[in-house]
Amino acid sequence: MPDTQGIVPMMFGLAEEQQHFRERNLKFIEVFPRISNRMDQMFGRAFKSPNKIQQMVFTFGCVIVEDFREILLNCANGYGIAGLKLLRPMFEATVTSIYLARHPEELEAFLEYDCVHQRKGLQHAESLGIDVSRWLSKDEQIEIEANYKAIRGRYRQVCPKCGHSREQPSWTKMDPIAMARDIGIEKASLSFYFFTTLLIHTTVTGISIERAPQRSQADDAVAAAHRLMVLVLEYHNRYFGLGISGLREELLRDVEYAWRG
C-alpha cells in the first residue's frame, strides 16, 4: 500500500457551485432522472448489427450521451464556458448522425475519410521529425499510404476561378450548417455551432470571457444540451422502432418545464 501520510487531501468538484446549480435549476433536477433513465434504456443496452448505418447511428448516440453528461458535470461545477465548448461537438455529432441516418448512401464517404486523417497524421509526424515506428510498424505505415491513394480522388475540390484542385477539408462538401438545415434544426446552428466554435478557437470572443463561475453560461449550455438530447432520444426511438409509447410527449414536456422562462 502506498504511504499516504503527509499527502494533502484533494476534493474534485466544487460543492458550493453544485449547490448554486441545484438551487437555480430545481425544475431540471426534478425531471433529470427521467431523461437519464431514457438514456440508459436506449444506450445502455448491447447493440450489434450487421447493418453498418444502424451500428454507426447507435455509436453516435452513445457518444452524444457522454457529451451531455460531460456538459452537465462541468456546468454543475460553475464552468459554463467549458460546457458551451463541449456543446459544439455534441451538436455536430447530433447533426451528423441524423444526417447519415437520412442519407445512408453517404456512410462510406464518412468512414473512408478516416484514411485521409491517418495519412495526415503520418505527414505531420514526418514534418516534425517524429519517428512513429513505436506505434505503427513499417507495414502499417505502407498500408495507410496505400489506403489513402485508393480513395484520395473522392475528396478533391476544384477552385471555380483558377481550376486548381485541393483536398477537401471534410468527408462531405456540405458544412455542418447545411446538414443542420437538411434535418430541420438550422436555426440552432447559430448559438450551438457558430458561437461555440469561436470559444474553442483562439479568437477575441474566446479570450473575452469572465472567469469561473460562469453560471448563466452554465445554465444556457445545459438547457441547449438537454434539447439536443431530447432530439436524439426521440429520433432513435423512431429510427430503431423501439416503440416507446408517449416518449416524444414526455421528453418535450420535461424540457419545456425545466427551461421555460
C-alpha atoms as a PDB file:
ATOM      1  CA  MET A   1       0.000   0.000   0.000  1.00  0.00           C
ATOM      2  CA  PRO A   2       1.361   3.469  -0.804  1.00  0.00           C
ATOM      3  CA  ASP A   3       2.231   5.712   2.111  1.00  0.00           C
ATOM      4  CA  THR A   4      -0.411   8.462   2.196  1.00  0.00           C
ATOM      5  CA  GLN A   5       0.969  10.190   5.273  1.00  0.00           C
ATOM      6  CA  GLY A   6       1.564  13.865   4.657  1.00  0.00           C
ATOM      7  CA  ILE A   7      -0.495  13.957   1.454  1.00  0.00           C
ATOM      8  CA  VAL A   8      -2.883  16.870   1.350  1.00  0.00           C
ATOM      9  CA  PRO A   9      -6.414  15.501   0.704  1.00  0.00           C
ATOM     10  CA  MET A  10      -7.956  16.683  -2.570  1.00  0.00           C
ATOM     11  CA  MET A  11     -11.603  17.101  -3.443  1.00  0.00           C
ATOM     12  CA  PHE A  12     -12.650  17.171  -7.081  1.00  0.00           C
ATOM     13  CA  GLY A  13     -15.786  19.196  -7.649  1.00  0.00           C
ATOM     14  CA  LEU A  14     -16.979  22.462  -6.163  1.00  0.00           C
ATOM     15  CA  ALA A  15     -19.649  21.831  -3.547  1.00  0.00           C
ATOM     16  CA  GLU A  16     -20.697  25.482  -3.358  1.00  0.00           C
ATOM     17  CA  GLU A  17     -21.201  25.715  -7.134  1.00  0.00           C
ATOM     18  CA  GLN A  18     -23.098  22.433  -7.192  1.00  0.00           C
ATOM     19  CA  GLN A  19     -25.463  23.829  -4.580  1.00  0.00           C
ATOM     20  CA  HIS A  20     -25.904  27.017  -6.625  1.00  0.00           C
ATOM     21  CA  PHE A  21     -26.685  24.935  -9.715  1.00  0.00           C
ATOM     22  CA  ARG A  22     -29.294  22.889  -7.853  1.00  0.00           C
ATOM     23  CA  GLU A  23     -30.972  25.980  -6.431  1.00  0.00           C
ATOM     24  CA  ARG A  24     -31.087  27.719  -9.831  1.00  0.00           C
ATOM     25  CA  ASN A  25     -32.348  24.689 -11.719  1.00  0.00           C
ATOM     26  CA  LEU A  26     -34.746  22.885  -9.411  1.00  0.00           C
ATOM     27  CA  LYS A  27     -37.100  22.025 -12.283  1.00  0.00           C
ATOM     28  CA  PHE A  28     -34.282  20.460 -14.315  1.00  0.00           C
ATOM     29  CA  ILE A  29     -33.156  18.474 -11.264  1.00  0.00           C
ATOM     30  CA  GLU A  30     -36.741  17.263 -10.916  1.00  0.00           C
ATOM     31  CA  VAL A  31     -37.018  15.932 -14.489  1.00  0.00           C
ATOM     32  CA  PHE A  32     -33.416  14.785 -14.948  1.00  0.00           C
ATOM     33  CA  PRO A  33     -33.982  11.245 -13.585  1.00  0.00           C
ATOM     34  CA  ARG A  34     -36.491  10.595 -16.384  1.00  0.00           C
ATOM     35  CA  ILE A  35     -34.184  11.569 -19.234  1.00  0.00           C
ATOM     36  CA  SER A  36     -31.274   9.802 -17.529  1.00  0.00           C
ATOM     37  CA  ASN A  37     -33.331   6.606 -17.379  1.00  0.00           C
ATOM     38  CA  ARG A  38     -34.222   7.006 -21.063  1.00  0.00           C
ATOM     39  CA  MET A  39     -30.555   7.396 -21.984  1.00  0.00           C
ATOM     40  CA  ASP A  40     -29.716   4.214 -20.079  1.00  0.00           C
ATOM     41  CA  GLN A  41     -32.684   2.418 -21.615  1.00  0.00           C
ATOM     42  CA  MET A  42     -31.634   3.232 -25.184  1.00  0.00           C
ATOM     43  CA  PHE A  43     -27.854   3.304 -24.995  1.00  0.00           C
ATOM     44  CA  GLY A  44     -27.047   1.104 -22.017  1.00  0.00           C
ATOM     45  CA  ARG A  45     -28.107  -1.971 -23.982  1.00  0.00           C
ATOM     46  CA  ALA A  46     -25.826  -4.212 -26.005  1.00  0.00           C
ATOM     47  CA  PHE A  47     -26.272  -3.487 -29.694  1.00  0.00           C
ATOM     48  CA  LYS A  48     -24.632  -5.291 -32.591  1.00  0.00           C
ATOM     49  CA  SER A  49     -25.927  -5.106 -36.113  1.00  0.00           C
ATOM     50  CA  PRO A  50     -24.578  -6.213 -39.488  1.00  0.00           C
ATOM     51  CA  ASN A  51     -26.226  -3.077 -40.827  1.00  0.00           C
ATOM     52  CA  LYS A  52     -23.361  -0.565 -40.857  1.00  0.00           C
ATOM     53  CA  ILE A  53     -25.509   2.527 -40.842  1.00  0.00           C
ATOM     54  CA  GLN A  54     -27.543   1.311 -37.869  1.00  0.00           C
ATOM     55  CA  GLN A  55     -24.346   0.472 -35.978  1.00  0.00           C
ATOM     56  CA  MET A  56     -22.928   3.912 -36.736  1.00  0.00           C
ATOM     57  CA  VAL A  57     -26.103   5.761 -35.690  1.00  0.00           C
ATOM     58  CA  PHE A  58     -26.180   3.827 -32.399  1.00  0.00           C
ATOM     59  CA  THR A  59     -22.479   4.525 -31.759  1.00  0.00           C
ATOM     60  CA  PHE A  60     -23.026   8.230 -32.388  1.00  0.00           C
ATOM     61  CA  GLY A  61     -25.872   8.113 -29.875  1.00  0.00           C
ATOM     62  CA  CYS A  62     -23.562   6.681 -27.201  1.00  0.00           C
ATOM     63  CA  VAL A  63     -21.042   9.467 -27.848  1.00  0.00           C
ATOM     64  CA  ILE A  64     -23.785  12.113 -27.622  1.00  0.00           C
ATOM     65  CA  VAL A  65     -24.929  10.756 -24.253  1.00  0.00           C
ATOM     66  CA  GLU A  66     -21.374  11.119 -22.938  1.00  0.00           C
ATOM     67  CA  ASP A  67     -21.210  14.661 -24.355  1.00  0.00           C
ATOM     68  CA  PHE A  68     -24.385  15.535 -22.463  1.00  0.00           C
ATOM     69  CA  ARG A  69     -23.063  14.147 -19.194  1.00  0.00           C
ATOM     70  CA  GLU A  70     -19.716  15.919 -19.620  1.00  0.00           C
ATOM     71  CA  ILE A  71     -21.535  19.221 -20.173  1.00  0.00           C
ATOM     72  CA  LEU A  72     -23.639  18.649 -17.065  1.00  0.00           C
ATOM     73  CA  LEU A  73     -20.574  17.773 -14.980  1.00  0.00           C
ATOM     74  CA  ASN A  74     -18.736  20.960 -15.953  1.00  0.00           C
ATOM     75  CA  CYS A  75     -21.744  23.244 -15.685  1.00  0.00           C
ATOM     76  CA  ALA A  76     -22.859  21.905 -12.315  1.00  0.00           C
ATOM     77  CA  ASN A  77     -19.438  22.995 -11.050  1.00  0.00           C
ATOM     78  CA  GLY A  78     -19.681  26.517 -12.464  1.00  0.00           C
ATOM     79  CA  TYR A  79     -17.665  26.040 -15.655  1.00  0.00           C
ATOM     80  CA  GLY A  80     -20.232  27.363 -18.098  1.00  0.00           C
ATOM     81  CA  ILE A  81     -17.754  28.216 -20.853  1.00  0.00           C
ATOM     82  CA  ALA A  82     -16.412  24.669 -20.750  1.00  0.00           C
ATOM     83  CA  GLY A  83     -19.984  23.468 -21.118  1.00  0.00           C
ATOM     84  CA  LEU A  84     -20.517  25.680 -24.171  1.00  0.00           C
ATOM     85  CA  LYS A  85     -17.255  24.434 -25.703  1.00  0.00           C
ATOM     86  CA  LEU A  86     -18.455  20.842 -25.290  1.00  0.00           C
ATOM     87  CA  LEU A  87     -21.803  21.757 -26.822  1.00  0.00           C
ATOM     88  CA  ARG A  88     -20.134  22.234 -30.210  1.00  0.00           C
ATOM     89  CA  PRO A  89     -19.089  18.571 -30.740  1.00  0.00           C
ATOM     90  CA  MET A  90     -22.403  17.411 -29.261  1.00  0.00           C
ATOM     91  CA  PHE A  91     -24.252  19.491 -31.856  1.00  0.00           C
ATOM     92  CA  GLU A  92     -22.026  18.271 -34.692  1.00  0.00           C
ATOM     93  CA  ALA A  93     -22.407  14.621 -33.656  1.00  0.00           C
ATOM     94  CA  THR A  94     -26.180  15.027 -33.405  1.00  0.00           C
ATOM     95  CA  VAL A  95     -26.411  16.609 -36.850  1.00  0.00           C
ATOM     96  CA  THR A  96     -24.039  14.121 -38.488  1.00  0.00           C
ATOM     97  CA  SER A  97     -25.747  11.056 -37.029  1.00  0.00           C
ATOM     98  CA  ILE A  98     -29.248  12.081 -38.079  1.00  0.00           C
ATOM     99  CA  TYR A  99     -27.991  13.276 -41.470  1.00  0.00           C
ATOM    100  CA  LEU A 100     -26.307   9.923 -42.133  1.00  0.00           C
ATOM    101  CA  ALA A 101     -29.404   8.062 -40.974  1.00  0.00           C
ATOM    102  CA  ARG A 102     -31.399  10.041 -43.542  1.00  0.00           C
ATOM    103  CA  HIS A 103     -28.705   9.628 -46.229  1.00  0.00           C
ATOM    104  CA  PRO A 104     -27.162   6.170 -45.698  1.00  0.00           C
ATOM    105  CA  GLU A 105     -25.604   6.277 -49.167  1.00  0.00           C
ATOM    106  CA  GLU A 106     -23.073   8.771 -47.750  1.00  0.00           C
ATOM    107  CA  LEU A 107     -21.841   6.495 -44.954  1.00  0.00           C
ATOM    108  CA  GLU A 108     -18.877   5.152 -46.939  1.00  0.00           C
ATOM    109  CA  ALA A 109     -17.673   8.693 -47.625  1.00  0.00           C
ATOM    110  CA  PHE A 110     -17.752   9.360 -43.872  1.00  0.00           C
ATOM    111  CA  LEU A 111     -15.938   6.125 -42.985  1.00  0.00           C
ATOM    112  CA  GLU A 112     -13.294   6.262 -45.693  1.00  0.00           C
ATOM    113  CA  TYR A 113     -12.298   9.832 -44.873  1.00  0.00           C
ATOM    114  CA  ASP A 114     -10.540   8.295 -41.890  1.00  0.00           C
ATOM    115  CA  CYS A 115      -7.832   7.270 -44.384  1.00  0.00           C
ATOM    116  CA  VAL A 116      -7.227  10.984 -45.033  1.00  0.00           C
ATOM    117  CA  HIS A 117      -6.904  11.668 -41.313  1.00  0.00           C
ATOM    118  CA  GLN A 118      -4.476   8.771 -40.798  1.00  0.00           C
ATOM    119  CA  ARG A 119      -2.279   9.895 -43.669  1.00  0.00           C
ATOM    120  CA  LYS A 120      -2.309  13.495 -42.418  1.00  0.00           C
ATOM    121  CA  GLY A 121      -1.135  12.221 -39.045  1.00  0.00           C
ATOM    122  CA  LEU A 122       1.824  10.443 -40.666  1.00  0.00           C
ATOM    123  CA  GLN A 123       2.699  13.516 -42.723  1.00  0.00           C
ATOM    124  CA  HIS A 124       2.524  15.747 -39.665  1.00  0.00           C
ATOM    125  CA  ALA A 125       4.802  13.427 -37.709  1.00  0.00           C
ATOM    126  CA  GLU A 126       7.267  13.296 -40.607  1.00  0.00           C
ATOM    127  CA  SER A 127       7.376  17.088 -40.900  1.00  0.00           C
ATOM    128  CA  LEU A 128       8.248  17.282 -37.178  1.00  0.00           C
ATOM    129  CA  GLY A 129      10.908  14.597 -37.400  1.00  0.00           C
ATOM    130  CA  ILE A 130       8.945  12.214 -35.181  1.00  0.00           C
ATOM    131  CA  ASP A 131       9.516   8.507 -35.725  1.00  0.00           C
ATOM    132  CA  VAL A 132       6.136   6.758 -35.429  1.00  0.00           C
ATOM    133  CA  SER A 133       7.559   3.250 -35.693  1.00  0.00           C
ATOM    134  CA  ARG A 134       6.983   2.553 -31.995  1.00  0.00           C
ATOM    135  CA  TRP A 135       3.240   2.953 -32.619  1.00  0.00           C
ATOM    136  CA  LEU A 136       2.972   1.797 -36.224  1.00  0.00           C
ATOM    137  CA  SER A 137       5.054  -0.835 -37.978  1.00  0.00           C
ATOM    138  CA  LYS A 138       6.534  -0.105 -41.407  1.00  0.00           C
ATOM    139  CA  ASP A 139       3.909  -2.385 -42.968  1.00  0.00           C
ATOM    140  CA  GLU A 140       1.117  -0.453 -41.236  1.00  0.00           C
ATOM    141  CA  GLN A 141       2.528   2.840 -42.489  1.00  0.00           C
ATOM    142  CA  ILE A 142       2.680   1.454 -46.025  1.00  0.00           C
ATOM    143  CA  GLU A 143      -0.913   0.261 -45.685  1.00  0.00           C
ATOM    144  CA  ILE A 144      -2.076   3.737 -44.574  1.00  0.00           C
ATOM    145  CA  GLU A 145      -0.420   5.291 -47.639  1.00  0.00           C
ATOM    146  CA  ALA A 146      -1.946   2.676 -49.948  1.00  0.00           C
ATOM    147  CA  ASN A 147      -5.423   3.152 -48.457  1.00  0.00           C
ATOM    148  CA  TYR A 148      -5.120   6.891 -48.877  1.00  0.00           C
ATOM    149  CA  LYS A 149      -4.090   6.628 -52.526  1.00  0.00           C
ATOM    150  CA  ALA A 150      -7.062   4.341 -53.192  1.00  0.00           C
ATOM    151  CA  ILE A 151      -9.610   6.916 -52.015  1.00  0.00           C
ATOM    152  CA  ARG A 152      -7.966  10.330 -52.403  1.00  0.00           C
ATOM    153  CA  GLY A 153      -9.676  11.074 -55.701  1.00  0.00           C
ATOM    154  CA  ARG A 154     -13.065  11.110 -53.946  1.00  0.00           C
ATOM    155  CA  TYR A 155     -12.120  14.005 -51.704  1.00  0.00           C
ATOM    156  CA  ARG A 156     -10.963  16.678 -54.120  1.00  0.00           C
ATOM    157  CA  GLN A 157     -12.461  20.097 -54.634  1.00  0.00           C
ATOM    158  CA  VAL A 158     -11.723  22.367 -57.574  1.00  0.00           C
ATOM    159  CA  CYS A 159     -11.496  26.152 -57.398  1.00  0.00           C
ATOM    160  CA  PRO A 160     -14.033  27.526 -59.901  1.00  0.00           C
ATOM    161  CA  LYS A 161     -11.765  30.522 -60.653  1.00  0.00           C
ATOM    162  CA  CYS A 162      -8.323  29.008 -61.158  1.00  0.00           C
ATOM    163  CA  GLY A 163      -9.203  25.365 -61.656  1.00  0.00           C
ATOM    164  CA  HIS A 164      -6.709  24.284 -59.007  1.00  0.00           C
ATOM    165  CA  SER A 165      -7.597  21.054 -57.201  1.00  0.00           C
ATOM    166  CA  ARG A 166      -7.034  20.501 -53.500  1.00  0.00           C
ATOM    167  CA  GLU A 167      -8.067  18.069 -50.814  1.00  0.00           C
ATOM    168  CA  GLN A 168     -11.411  18.920 -49.266  1.00  0.00           C
ATOM    169  CA  PRO A 169     -11.234  19.575 -45.511  1.00  0.00           C
ATOM    170  CA  SER A 170     -14.065  17.217 -44.574  1.00  0.00           C
ATOM    171  CA  TRP A 171     -15.704  13.972 -45.640  1.00  0.00           C
ATOM    172  CA  THR A 172     -18.545  15.926 -47.210  1.00  0.00           C
ATOM    173  CA  LYS A 173     -18.772  19.088 -49.266  1.00  0.00           C
ATOM    174  CA  MET A 174     -21.674  20.129 -47.022  1.00  0.00           C
ATOM    175  CA  ASP A 175     -20.815  22.155 -43.953  1.00  0.00           C
ATOM    176  CA  PRO A 176     -22.483  21.382 -40.594  1.00  0.00           C
ATOM    177  CA  ILE A 177     -24.922  24.278 -41.011  1.00  0.00           C
ATOM    178  CA  ALA A 178     -26.108  22.878 -44.354  1.00  0.00           C
ATOM    179  CA  MET A 179     -26.523  19.440 -42.758  1.00  0.00           C
ATOM    180  CA  ALA A 180     -28.438  21.042 -39.887  1.00  0.00           C
ATOM    181  CA  ARG A 181     -30.735  22.632 -42.456  1.00  0.00           C
ATOM    182  CA  ASP A 182     -31.266  19.209 -44.047  1.00  0.00           C
ATOM    183  CA  ILE A 183     -32.541  17.778 -40.756  1.00  0.00           C
ATOM    184  CA  GLY A 184     -34.522  20.891 -39.804  1.00  0.00           C
ATOM    185  CA  ILE A 185     -32.508  22.450 -36.950  1.00  0.00           C
ATOM    186  CA  GLU A 186     -30.541  25.109 -38.842  1.00  0.00           C
ATOM    187  CA  LYS A 187     -31.572  27.949 -36.508  1.00  0.00           C
ATOM    188  CA  ALA A 188     -29.857  26.212 -33.600  1.00  0.00           C
ATOM    189  CA  SER A 189     -26.566  26.295 -35.511  1.00  0.00           C
ATOM    190  CA  LEU A 190     -26.021  29.998 -34.733  1.00  0.00           C
ATOM    191  CA  SER A 191     -25.613  29.502 -30.986  1.00  0.00           C
ATOM    192  CA  PHE A 192     -24.893  25.761 -30.806  1.00  0.00           C
ATOM    193  CA  TYR A 193     -22.262  25.721 -33.565  1.00  0.00           C
ATOM    194  CA  PHE A 194     -21.053  29.128 -34.772  1.00  0.00           C
ATOM    195  CA  PHE A 195     -20.740  30.840 -31.373  1.00  0.00           C
ATOM    196  CA  THR A 196     -19.316  27.752 -29.655  1.00  0.00           C
ATOM    197  CA  THR A 197     -16.709  27.411 -32.424  1.00  0.00           C
ATOM    198  CA  LEU A 198     -15.455  30.895 -31.518  1.00  0.00           C
ATOM    199  CA  LEU A 199     -14.986  29.695 -27.940  1.00  0.00           C
ATOM    200  CA  ILE A 200     -12.902  26.628 -28.765  1.00  0.00           C
ATOM    201  CA  HIS A 201     -10.503  28.550 -31.030  1.00  0.00           C
ATOM    202  CA  THR A 202      -8.118  31.390 -30.249  1.00  0.00           C
ATOM    203  CA  THR A 203     -10.426  34.300 -31.020  1.00  0.00           C
ATOM    204  CA  VAL A 204     -11.247  37.618 -29.382  1.00  0.00           C
ATOM    205  CA  THR A 205     -14.556  36.086 -28.312  1.00  0.00           C
ATOM    206  CA  GLY A 206     -12.760  33.073 -26.885  1.00  0.00           C
ATOM    207  CA  ILE A 207     -10.458  35.133 -24.655  1.00  0.00           C
ATOM    208  CA  SER A 208     -13.017  37.787 -23.702  1.00  0.00           C
ATOM    209  CA  ILE A 209     -14.768  35.678 -21.113  1.00  0.00           C
ATOM    210  CA  GLU A 210     -15.351  36.172 -17.425  1.00  0.00           C
ATOM    211  CA  ARG A 211     -13.603  33.877 -15.030  1.00  0.00           C
ATOM    212  CA  ALA A 212     -15.467  30.976 -13.490  1.00  0.00           C
ATOM    213  CA  PRO A 213     -18.003  30.640 -12.051  1.00  0.00           C
ATOM    214  CA  GLN A 214     -19.946  31.336 -15.241  1.00  0.00           C
ATOM    215  CA  ARG A 215     -23.405  30.498 -14.007  1.00  0.00           C
ATOM    216  CA  SER A 216     -25.588  31.982 -16.728  1.00  0.00           C
ATOM    217  CA  GLN A 217     -23.485  30.289 -19.414  1.00  0.00           C
ATOM    218  CA  ALA A 218     -23.678  27.038 -17.441  1.00  0.00           C
ATOM    219  CA  ASP A 219     -27.465  27.132 -17.454  1.00  0.00           C
ATOM    220  CA  ASP A 220     -27.538  28.024 -21.157  1.00  0.00           C
ATOM    221  CA  ALA A 221     -25.238  25.123 -22.019  1.00  0.00           C
ATOM    222  CA  VAL A 222     -27.236  22.548 -20.045  1.00  0.00           C
ATOM    223  CA  ALA A 223     -30.523  23.796 -21.491  1.00  0.00           C
ATOM    224  CA  ALA A 224     -29.139  23.515 -25.028  1.00  0.00           C
ATOM    225  CA  ALA A 225     -27.667  20.073 -24.372  1.00  0.00           C
ATOM    226  CA  HIS A 226     -30.970  18.935 -22.869  1.00  0.00           C
ATOM    227  CA  ARG A 227     -32.791  19.966 -26.062  1.00  0.00           C
ATOM    228  CA  LEU A 228     -30.278  18.155 -28.264  1.00  0.00           C
ATOM    229  CA  MET A 229     -30.581  15.044 -26.110  1.00  0.00           C
ATOM    230  CA  VAL A 230     -34.363  15.131 -26.499  1.00  0.00           C
ATOM    231  CA  LEU A 231     -33.947  15.280 -30.276  1.00  0.00           C
ATOM    232  CA  VAL A 232     -31.557  12.321 -30.271  1.00  0.00           C
ATOM    233  CA  LEU A 233     -33.693  10.139 -27.999  1.00  0.00           C
ATOM    234  CA  GLU A 234     -36.875  10.837 -29.918  1.00  0.00           C
ATOM    235  CA  TYR A 235     -35.150  10.166 -33.249  1.00  0.00           C
ATOM    236  CA  HIS A 236     -33.598   6.899 -32.039  1.00  0.00           C
ATOM    237  CA  ASN A 237     -36.961   5.677 -30.784  1.00  0.00           C
ATOM    238  CA  ARG A 238     -38.395   6.120 -34.289  1.00  0.00           C
ATOM    239  CA  TYR A 239     -35.315   5.060 -36.264  1.00  0.00           C
ATOM    240  CA  PHE A 240     -34.806   1.782 -34.395  1.00  0.00           C
ATOM    241  CA  GLY A 241     -38.518   1.110 -33.975  1.00  0.00           C
ATOM    242  CA  LEU A 242     -38.212   0.812 -30.196  1.00  0.00           C
ATOM    243  CA  GLY A 243     -41.905   1.524 -29.739  1.00  0.00           C
ATOM    244  CA  ILE A 244     -41.596   3.535 -26.520  1.00  0.00           C
ATOM    245  CA  SER A 245     -45.110   4.928 -26.281  1.00  0.00           C
ATOM    246  CA  GLY A 246     -45.518   8.597 -25.404  1.00  0.00           C
ATOM    247  CA  LEU A 247     -41.765   9.257 -25.418  1.00  0.00           C
ATOM    248  CA  ARG A 248     -41.898  12.395 -27.567  1.00  0.00           C
ATOM    249  CA  GLU A 249     -44.574  13.977 -25.398  1.00  0.00           C
ATOM    250  CA  GLU A 250     -42.718  13.069 -22.198  1.00  0.00           C
ATOM    251  CA  LEU A 251     -39.392  14.486 -23.383  1.00  0.00           C
ATOM    252  CA  LEU A 252     -40.833  17.706 -24.799  1.00  0.00           C
ATOM    253  CA  ARG A 253     -42.978  18.285 -21.717  1.00  0.00           C
ATOM    254  CA  ASP A 254     -39.975  17.891 -19.418  1.00  0.00           C
ATOM    255  CA  VAL A 255     -37.596  20.105 -21.410  1.00  0.00           C
ATOM    256  CA  GLU A 256     -40.154  22.905 -21.639  1.00  0.00           C
ATOM    257  CA  TYR A 257     -40.988  22.591 -17.931  1.00  0.00           C
ATOM    258  CA  ALA A 258     -37.292  22.684 -16.980  1.00  0.00           C
ATOM    259  CA  TRP A 259     -36.241  25.694 -19.051  1.00  0.00           C
ATOM    260  CA  ARG A 260     -39.173  27.919 -19.892  1.00  0.00           C
ATOM    261  CA  GLY A 261     -38.673  31.449 -18.576  1.00  0.00           C
END
